[in-house]
Amino acid sequence: MNQPRPPLEDSWNLEALADIERLDARDPELADAAWAAVSDVLNHHKTGKALGARHISGGLTGLFRLKFDLPGAKPERYRLVYQEIGPNAVRFWGFGPREGQAVYKAINRRRRTGVNSEAWQRLPATKPVWEK
C-alpha cells in the first residue's frame, strides 16, 4: 500500500502575502480560493503549469502557475505563481489577476528588482485554511 506523501514545505515572499490581503479586500471568497490553491499545491492535489520566457511579462523560467477563482467561475481569472526549490519544498511568489499579464509582470518585477528577496518566511502549518 502506498503511503501518502507528506505536505511540501513552503516559504513565502512577503509580497505574496500582501497579494492575498488585496484579494481579501476585493472579496474574502477570492482569498479563500487563493488559500485553497496553496493547499492544493502543498498537499500534492494539483501541480501548476511550467512558465517560461514571456514576450509581454518577461522571463519566468523555473516558475509554475496554478489557476484559481471564485467557485464556479469559468474561465479562472487568477493565478498563483510558485517555484519548486527542492524535491519537497516550494516558494510562493505571488497571486493576482491574469488579465493583462498583471500577476506575471508583478512577479517578474519582484524577481528582477529583488523586492523582498531576503524576506522569505515560513508560515505555520496550523493555518486554519490548510486543515480543510
N, C-alpha and C. Protein backbone atom coordinates (compact mmCIF):
# COMPACT_ATOMS: atom_id res chain seq x y z
N MET A 1 0.84 -1.17 0.00
CA MET A 1 0.00 0.00 0.00
C MET A 1 0.89 1.24 0.00
N ASN A 2 0.55 2.22 -0.84
CA ASN A 2 1.32 3.46 -0.91
C ASN A 2 1.01 4.36 0.27
N GLN A 3 2.06 4.89 0.85
CA GLN A 3 1.91 5.86 1.93
C GLN A 3 1.64 7.23 1.31
N PRO A 4 0.76 8.03 1.89
CA PRO A 4 0.55 9.38 1.36
C PRO A 4 1.82 10.21 1.53
N ARG A 5 2.08 11.05 0.55
CA ARG A 5 3.26 11.91 0.63
C ARG A 5 3.01 13.02 1.64
N PRO A 6 4.04 13.37 2.41
CA PRO A 6 3.87 14.47 3.36
C PRO A 6 3.72 15.79 2.60
N PRO A 7 3.06 16.77 3.21
CA PRO A 7 2.93 18.07 2.55
C PRO A 7 4.30 18.68 2.25
N LEU A 8 4.34 19.48 1.20
CA LEU A 8 5.56 20.19 0.85
C LEU A 8 5.84 21.27 1.89
N GLU A 9 7.11 21.57 2.09
CA GLU A 9 7.47 22.72 2.92
C GLU A 9 7.30 23.97 2.07
N ASP A 10 6.98 25.08 2.72
CA ASP A 10 6.73 26.31 1.97
C ASP A 10 7.51 27.48 2.53
N SER A 11 7.81 28.42 1.64
CA SER A 11 8.33 29.72 2.05
C SER A 11 7.61 30.75 1.19
N TRP A 12 7.54 31.97 1.72
CA TRP A 12 6.71 33.00 1.12
C TRP A 12 7.46 34.29 0.93
N ASN A 13 7.33 34.87 -0.25
CA ASN A 13 7.75 36.24 -0.46
C ASN A 13 6.71 37.09 0.26
N LEU A 14 7.15 38.07 1.01
CA LEU A 14 6.19 38.87 1.78
C LEU A 14 5.19 39.59 0.88
N GLU A 15 5.59 39.89 -0.34
CA GLU A 15 4.64 40.50 -1.28
C GLU A 15 3.52 39.52 -1.64
N ALA A 16 3.81 38.24 -1.64
CA ALA A 16 2.77 37.24 -1.91
C ALA A 16 1.68 37.30 -0.84
N LEU A 17 2.11 37.49 0.40
CA LEU A 17 1.13 37.62 1.48
C LEU A 17 0.30 38.88 1.31
N ALA A 18 0.94 39.97 0.86
CA ALA A 18 0.21 41.21 0.60
C ALA A 18 -0.78 41.02 -0.55
N ASP A 19 -0.39 40.19 -1.54
CA ASP A 19 -1.32 39.90 -2.64
C ASP A 19 -2.60 39.27 -2.11
N ILE A 20 -2.47 38.33 -1.19
CA ILE A 20 -3.67 37.67 -0.64
C ILE A 20 -4.50 38.67 0.16
N GLU A 21 -3.85 39.57 0.87
CA GLU A 21 -4.60 40.61 1.59
C GLU A 21 -5.39 41.48 0.62
N ARG A 22 -4.79 41.80 -0.54
CA ARG A 22 -5.51 42.59 -1.55
C ARG A 22 -6.70 41.80 -2.12
N LEU A 23 -6.50 40.51 -2.35
CA LEU A 23 -7.62 39.68 -2.82
C LEU A 23 -8.73 39.64 -1.77
N ASP A 24 -8.35 39.55 -0.50
CA ASP A 24 -9.33 39.51 0.59
C ASP A 24 -10.12 40.81 0.65
N ALA A 25 -9.44 41.94 0.41
CA ALA A 25 -10.13 43.23 0.41
C ALA A 25 -11.12 43.32 -0.74
N ARG A 26 -10.79 42.69 -1.86
CA ARG A 26 -11.69 42.69 -3.03
C ARG A 26 -12.89 41.78 -2.77
N ASP A 27 -12.61 40.58 -2.26
CA ASP A 27 -13.67 39.60 -1.99
C ASP A 27 -13.07 38.50 -1.11
N PRO A 28 -13.53 38.35 0.13
CA PRO A 28 -12.99 37.32 1.00
C PRO A 28 -13.04 35.91 0.40
N GLU A 29 -14.04 35.63 -0.43
CA GLU A 29 -14.11 34.31 -1.06
C GLU A 29 -12.98 34.11 -2.05
N LEU A 30 -12.50 35.19 -2.64
CA LEU A 30 -11.37 35.11 -3.56
C LEU A 30 -10.09 34.76 -2.80
N ALA A 31 -9.92 35.35 -1.63
CA ALA A 31 -8.77 34.99 -0.79
C ALA A 31 -8.88 33.53 -0.35
N ASP A 32 -10.08 33.08 -0.03
CA ASP A 32 -10.28 31.67 0.32
C ASP A 32 -9.88 30.76 -0.85
N ALA A 33 -10.22 31.17 -2.06
CA ALA A 33 -9.84 30.39 -3.24
C ALA A 33 -8.33 30.35 -3.41
N ALA A 34 -7.66 31.46 -3.10
CA ALA A 34 -6.19 31.50 -3.17
C ALA A 34 -5.59 30.54 -2.14
N TRP A 35 -6.11 30.56 -0.92
CA TRP A 35 -5.61 29.65 0.11
C TRP A 35 -5.88 28.20 -0.26
N ALA A 36 -7.02 27.94 -0.91
CA ALA A 36 -7.31 26.58 -1.36
C ALA A 36 -6.30 26.13 -2.41
N ALA A 37 -5.89 27.05 -3.30
CA ALA A 37 -4.88 26.73 -4.30
C ALA A 37 -3.54 26.41 -3.63
N VAL A 38 -3.20 27.17 -2.60
CA VAL A 38 -1.98 26.90 -1.83
C VAL A 38 -2.04 25.50 -1.25
N SER A 39 -3.17 25.17 -0.64
CA SER A 39 -3.34 23.85 -0.05
C SER A 39 -3.23 22.76 -1.11
N ASP A 40 -3.79 23.00 -2.29
CA ASP A 40 -3.69 22.02 -3.37
C ASP A 40 -2.23 21.75 -3.75
N VAL A 41 -1.43 22.81 -3.82
CA VAL A 41 -0.01 22.64 -4.17
C VAL A 41 0.72 21.91 -3.04
N LEU A 42 0.54 22.38 -1.81
CA LEU A 42 1.28 21.80 -0.68
C LEU A 42 0.93 20.34 -0.44
N ASN A 43 -0.29 19.96 -0.72
CA ASN A 43 -0.74 18.60 -0.44
C ASN A 43 -0.76 17.70 -1.68
N HIS A 44 -0.08 18.14 -2.74
CA HIS A 44 0.09 17.34 -3.96
C HIS A 44 -1.23 17.06 -4.69
N HIS A 45 -2.25 17.89 -4.49
CA HIS A 45 -3.53 17.68 -5.17
C HIS A 45 -3.49 18.21 -6.59
N LYS A 46 -2.74 19.29 -6.80
CA LYS A 46 -2.61 19.89 -8.13
C LYS A 46 -1.18 20.33 -8.34
N THR A 47 -0.75 20.28 -9.60
CA THR A 47 0.57 20.76 -9.99
C THR A 47 0.37 21.85 -11.02
N GLY A 48 1.10 22.93 -10.87
CA GLY A 48 0.96 24.03 -11.81
C GLY A 48 1.64 23.77 -13.13
N LYS A 49 1.34 24.62 -14.09
CA LYS A 49 1.94 24.56 -15.42
C LYS A 49 3.25 25.35 -15.39
N ALA A 50 4.30 24.77 -15.99
CA ALA A 50 5.60 25.45 -16.03
C ALA A 50 5.50 26.70 -16.89
N LEU A 51 6.12 27.77 -16.39
CA LEU A 51 6.19 29.03 -17.13
C LEU A 51 7.57 29.14 -17.78
N GLY A 52 7.70 30.03 -18.71
CA GLY A 52 8.98 30.23 -19.39
C GLY A 52 9.14 31.69 -19.76
N ALA A 53 9.87 31.93 -20.83
CA ALA A 53 10.06 33.30 -21.32
C ALA A 53 8.74 33.83 -21.85
N ARG A 54 8.40 35.03 -21.48
CA ARG A 54 7.16 35.66 -21.92
C ARG A 54 7.51 36.97 -22.63
N HIS A 55 6.91 37.19 -23.78
CA HIS A 55 7.17 38.41 -24.54
C HIS A 55 6.70 39.64 -23.77
N ILE A 56 5.53 39.56 -23.18
CA ILE A 56 4.94 40.73 -22.52
C ILE A 56 5.44 40.89 -21.09
N SER A 57 5.47 39.81 -20.33
CA SER A 57 5.77 39.93 -18.90
C SER A 57 7.21 39.58 -18.53
N GLY A 58 8.00 39.06 -19.46
CA GLY A 58 9.40 38.77 -19.16
C GLY A 58 9.64 37.32 -18.80
N GLY A 59 10.85 37.04 -18.38
CA GLY A 59 11.27 35.67 -18.11
C GLY A 59 10.76 35.13 -16.79
N LEU A 60 10.06 34.03 -16.89
CA LEU A 60 9.52 33.37 -15.70
C LEU A 60 9.94 31.91 -15.65
N THR A 61 11.02 31.59 -16.35
CA THR A 61 11.52 30.23 -16.38
C THR A 61 11.82 29.75 -14.96
N GLY A 62 11.42 28.53 -14.66
CA GLY A 62 11.64 27.95 -13.34
C GLY A 62 10.47 28.14 -12.39
N LEU A 63 9.45 28.87 -12.85
CA LEU A 63 8.26 29.10 -12.03
C LEU A 63 7.09 28.31 -12.60
N PHE A 64 6.07 28.14 -11.76
CA PHE A 64 4.86 27.44 -12.15
C PHE A 64 3.66 28.31 -11.82
N ARG A 65 2.57 28.09 -12.55
CA ARG A 65 1.34 28.82 -12.24
C ARG A 65 0.19 27.84 -12.07
N LEU A 66 -0.69 28.20 -11.15
CA LEU A 66 -1.90 27.42 -10.92
C LEU A 66 -3.07 28.38 -11.00
N LYS A 67 -4.09 28.03 -11.77
CA LYS A 67 -5.28 28.87 -11.92
C LYS A 67 -6.19 28.71 -10.70
N PHE A 68 -6.88 29.80 -10.35
CA PHE A 68 -7.91 29.73 -9.31
C PHE A 68 -8.90 30.86 -9.51
N ASP A 69 -10.04 30.75 -8.86
CA ASP A 69 -11.06 31.79 -8.95
C ASP A 69 -12.15 31.47 -7.94
N LEU A 70 -13.19 32.28 -7.95
CA LEU A 70 -14.36 32.01 -7.12
C LEU A 70 -14.99 30.70 -7.56
N PRO A 71 -15.62 29.98 -6.66
CA PRO A 71 -16.26 28.72 -7.04
C PRO A 71 -17.23 28.91 -8.21
N GLY A 72 -17.08 28.07 -9.22
CA GLY A 72 -17.96 28.09 -10.38
C GLY A 72 -17.57 29.06 -11.47
N ALA A 73 -16.59 29.93 -11.23
CA ALA A 73 -16.19 30.92 -12.24
C ALA A 73 -15.37 30.24 -13.33
N LYS A 74 -15.76 30.45 -14.57
CA LYS A 74 -15.02 29.92 -15.71
C LYS A 74 -14.97 31.00 -16.78
N PRO A 75 -13.87 31.26 -17.40
CA PRO A 75 -12.57 30.67 -17.08
C PRO A 75 -12.02 31.25 -15.78
N GLU A 76 -11.08 30.55 -15.20
CA GLU A 76 -10.47 31.02 -13.95
C GLU A 76 -9.58 32.22 -14.26
N ARG A 77 -9.80 33.33 -13.53
CA ARG A 77 -9.16 34.60 -13.85
C ARG A 77 -7.89 34.90 -13.07
N TYR A 78 -7.58 34.13 -12.05
CA TYR A 78 -6.46 34.44 -11.17
C TYR A 78 -5.39 33.36 -11.22
N ARG A 79 -4.18 33.76 -10.84
CA ARG A 79 -3.05 32.83 -10.87
C ARG A 79 -2.27 32.89 -9.56
N LEU A 80 -1.81 31.73 -9.14
CA LEU A 80 -0.84 31.57 -8.06
C LEU A 80 0.46 31.22 -8.77
N VAL A 81 1.55 31.92 -8.44
CA VAL A 81 2.85 31.65 -9.06
C VAL A 81 3.80 31.17 -7.96
N TYR A 82 4.43 30.02 -8.23
CA TYR A 82 5.33 29.44 -7.24
C TYR A 82 6.54 28.81 -7.92
N GLN A 83 7.51 28.44 -7.10
CA GLN A 83 8.75 27.85 -7.58
C GLN A 83 9.04 26.61 -6.75
N GLU A 84 9.47 25.55 -7.41
CA GLU A 84 9.93 24.37 -6.68
C GLU A 84 11.38 24.64 -6.29
N ILE A 85 11.68 24.56 -5.00
CA ILE A 85 13.05 24.86 -4.54
C ILE A 85 13.74 23.62 -3.99
N GLY A 86 13.20 22.50 -4.28
CA GLY A 86 13.77 21.23 -3.86
C GLY A 86 12.72 20.16 -4.07
N PRO A 87 13.06 18.92 -3.81
CA PRO A 87 12.10 17.85 -4.04
C PRO A 87 10.89 17.91 -3.12
N ASN A 88 11.02 18.59 -1.99
CA ASN A 88 9.92 18.62 -1.01
C ASN A 88 9.60 20.03 -0.54
N ALA A 89 9.90 21.04 -1.38
CA ALA A 89 9.68 22.42 -0.93
C ALA A 89 9.31 23.33 -2.10
N VAL A 90 8.47 24.30 -1.80
CA VAL A 90 8.06 25.30 -2.78
C VAL A 90 8.17 26.69 -2.16
N ARG A 91 8.29 27.66 -3.05
CA ARG A 91 8.34 29.07 -2.65
C ARG A 91 7.22 29.79 -3.39
N PHE A 92 6.37 30.48 -2.66
CA PHE A 92 5.26 31.21 -3.26
C PHE A 92 5.70 32.64 -3.57
N TRP A 93 5.57 33.01 -4.86
CA TRP A 93 6.00 34.33 -5.34
C TRP A 93 4.86 35.33 -5.38
N GLY A 94 3.64 34.88 -5.66
CA GLY A 94 2.57 35.86 -5.71
C GLY A 94 1.26 35.31 -6.24
N PHE A 95 0.24 36.14 -6.14
CA PHE A 95 -1.13 35.84 -6.52
C PHE A 95 -1.69 37.07 -7.21
N GLY A 96 -2.51 36.86 -8.21
CA GLY A 96 -3.16 38.01 -8.82
C GLY A 96 -3.88 37.68 -10.09
N PRO A 97 -4.47 38.73 -10.70
CA PRO A 97 -5.24 38.52 -11.92
C PRO A 97 -4.33 38.21 -13.10
N ARG A 98 -4.83 37.35 -13.97
CA ARG A 98 -4.12 37.03 -15.19
C ARG A 98 -4.32 38.12 -16.24
N GLU A 99 -5.45 38.83 -16.16
CA GLU A 99 -5.78 39.85 -17.14
C GLU A 99 -4.63 40.84 -17.33
N GLY A 100 -4.28 41.07 -18.57
CA GLY A 100 -3.20 41.99 -18.89
C GLY A 100 -1.84 41.50 -18.42
N GLN A 101 -1.74 40.21 -18.12
CA GLN A 101 -0.49 39.62 -17.62
C GLN A 101 -0.06 40.24 -16.28
N ALA A 102 -1.00 40.84 -15.55
CA ALA A 102 -0.68 41.61 -14.34
C ALA A 102 0.13 40.81 -13.32
N VAL A 103 -0.31 39.61 -13.01
CA VAL A 103 0.41 38.83 -11.99
C VAL A 103 1.81 38.47 -12.47
N TYR A 104 1.94 38.14 -13.74
CA TYR A 104 3.25 37.75 -14.27
C TYR A 104 4.21 38.93 -14.30
N LYS A 105 3.71 40.10 -14.65
CA LYS A 105 4.55 41.31 -14.65
C LYS A 105 5.02 41.62 -13.23
N ALA A 106 4.12 41.48 -12.27
CA ALA A 106 4.48 41.75 -10.86
C ALA A 106 5.56 40.78 -10.38
N ILE A 107 5.41 39.51 -10.71
CA ILE A 107 6.39 38.51 -10.27
C ILE A 107 7.73 38.77 -10.94
N ASN A 108 7.72 39.07 -12.22
CA ASN A 108 8.97 39.36 -12.92
C ASN A 108 9.67 40.57 -12.30
N ARG A 109 8.89 41.60 -11.97
CA ARG A 109 9.46 42.80 -11.32
C ARG A 109 10.05 42.43 -9.95
N ARG A 110 9.36 41.61 -9.20
CA ARG A 110 9.87 41.19 -7.88
C ARG A 110 11.19 40.44 -8.03
N ARG A 111 11.25 39.56 -9.01
CA ARG A 111 12.48 38.79 -9.23
C ARG A 111 13.61 39.68 -9.72
N ARG A 112 13.30 40.58 -10.64
CA ARG A 112 14.31 41.44 -11.25
C ARG A 112 14.87 42.48 -10.27
N THR A 113 14.00 43.07 -9.47
CA THR A 113 14.44 44.14 -8.57
C THR A 113 14.84 43.63 -7.20
N GLY A 114 14.58 42.35 -6.94
CA GLY A 114 14.94 41.80 -5.64
C GLY A 114 14.03 42.26 -4.53
N VAL A 115 12.82 42.74 -4.88
CA VAL A 115 11.88 43.17 -3.84
C VAL A 115 11.65 42.02 -2.88
N ASN A 116 11.99 42.25 -1.65
CA ASN A 116 11.82 41.25 -0.60
C ASN A 116 12.57 39.96 -0.88
N SER A 117 13.65 40.04 -1.66
CA SER A 117 14.35 38.81 -1.99
C SER A 117 14.89 38.13 -0.74
N GLU A 118 15.14 38.89 0.29
CA GLU A 118 15.60 38.31 1.55
C GLU A 118 14.45 38.10 2.52
N ALA A 119 13.27 38.52 2.13
CA ALA A 119 12.13 38.49 3.04
C ALA A 119 11.28 37.25 2.81
N TRP A 120 11.86 36.11 3.02
CA TRP A 120 11.12 34.87 2.89
C TRP A 120 10.79 34.37 4.27
N GLN A 121 9.62 33.89 4.44
CA GLN A 121 9.26 33.34 5.74
C GLN A 121 8.42 32.10 5.56
N ARG A 122 8.44 31.30 6.57
CA ARG A 122 7.65 30.07 6.57
C ARG A 122 6.41 30.35 7.41
N LEU A 123 5.25 30.02 6.86
CA LEU A 123 4.01 30.18 7.61
C LEU A 123 3.75 28.93 8.43
N PRO A 124 3.11 29.08 9.56
CA PRO A 124 2.82 27.89 10.37
C PRO A 124 1.84 26.98 9.65
N ALA A 125 2.10 25.71 9.71
CA ALA A 125 1.23 24.73 9.05
C ALA A 125 -0.13 24.63 9.74
N THR A 126 -0.31 25.36 10.82
CA THR A 126 -1.58 25.32 11.53
C THR A 126 -2.56 26.34 10.98
N LYS A 127 -2.21 27.00 9.87
CA LYS A 127 -3.13 27.95 9.25
C LYS A 127 -4.46 27.24 9.03
N PRO A 128 -5.55 27.76 9.57
CA PRO A 128 -6.83 27.04 9.53
C PRO A 128 -7.27 26.58 8.14
N VAL A 129 -7.02 27.38 7.11
CA VAL A 129 -7.49 27.01 5.78
C VAL A 129 -6.79 25.74 5.30
N TRP A 130 -5.60 25.46 5.77
CA TRP A 130 -4.88 24.28 5.31
C TRP A 130 -5.44 23.01 5.92
N GLU A 131 -6.27 23.14 6.93
CA GLU A 131 -6.83 21.97 7.60
C GLU A 131 -8.08 21.47 6.91
N LYS A 132 -8.52 22.15 5.85
CA LYS A 132 -9.76 21.75 5.14
C LYS A 132 -9.61 20.39 4.54
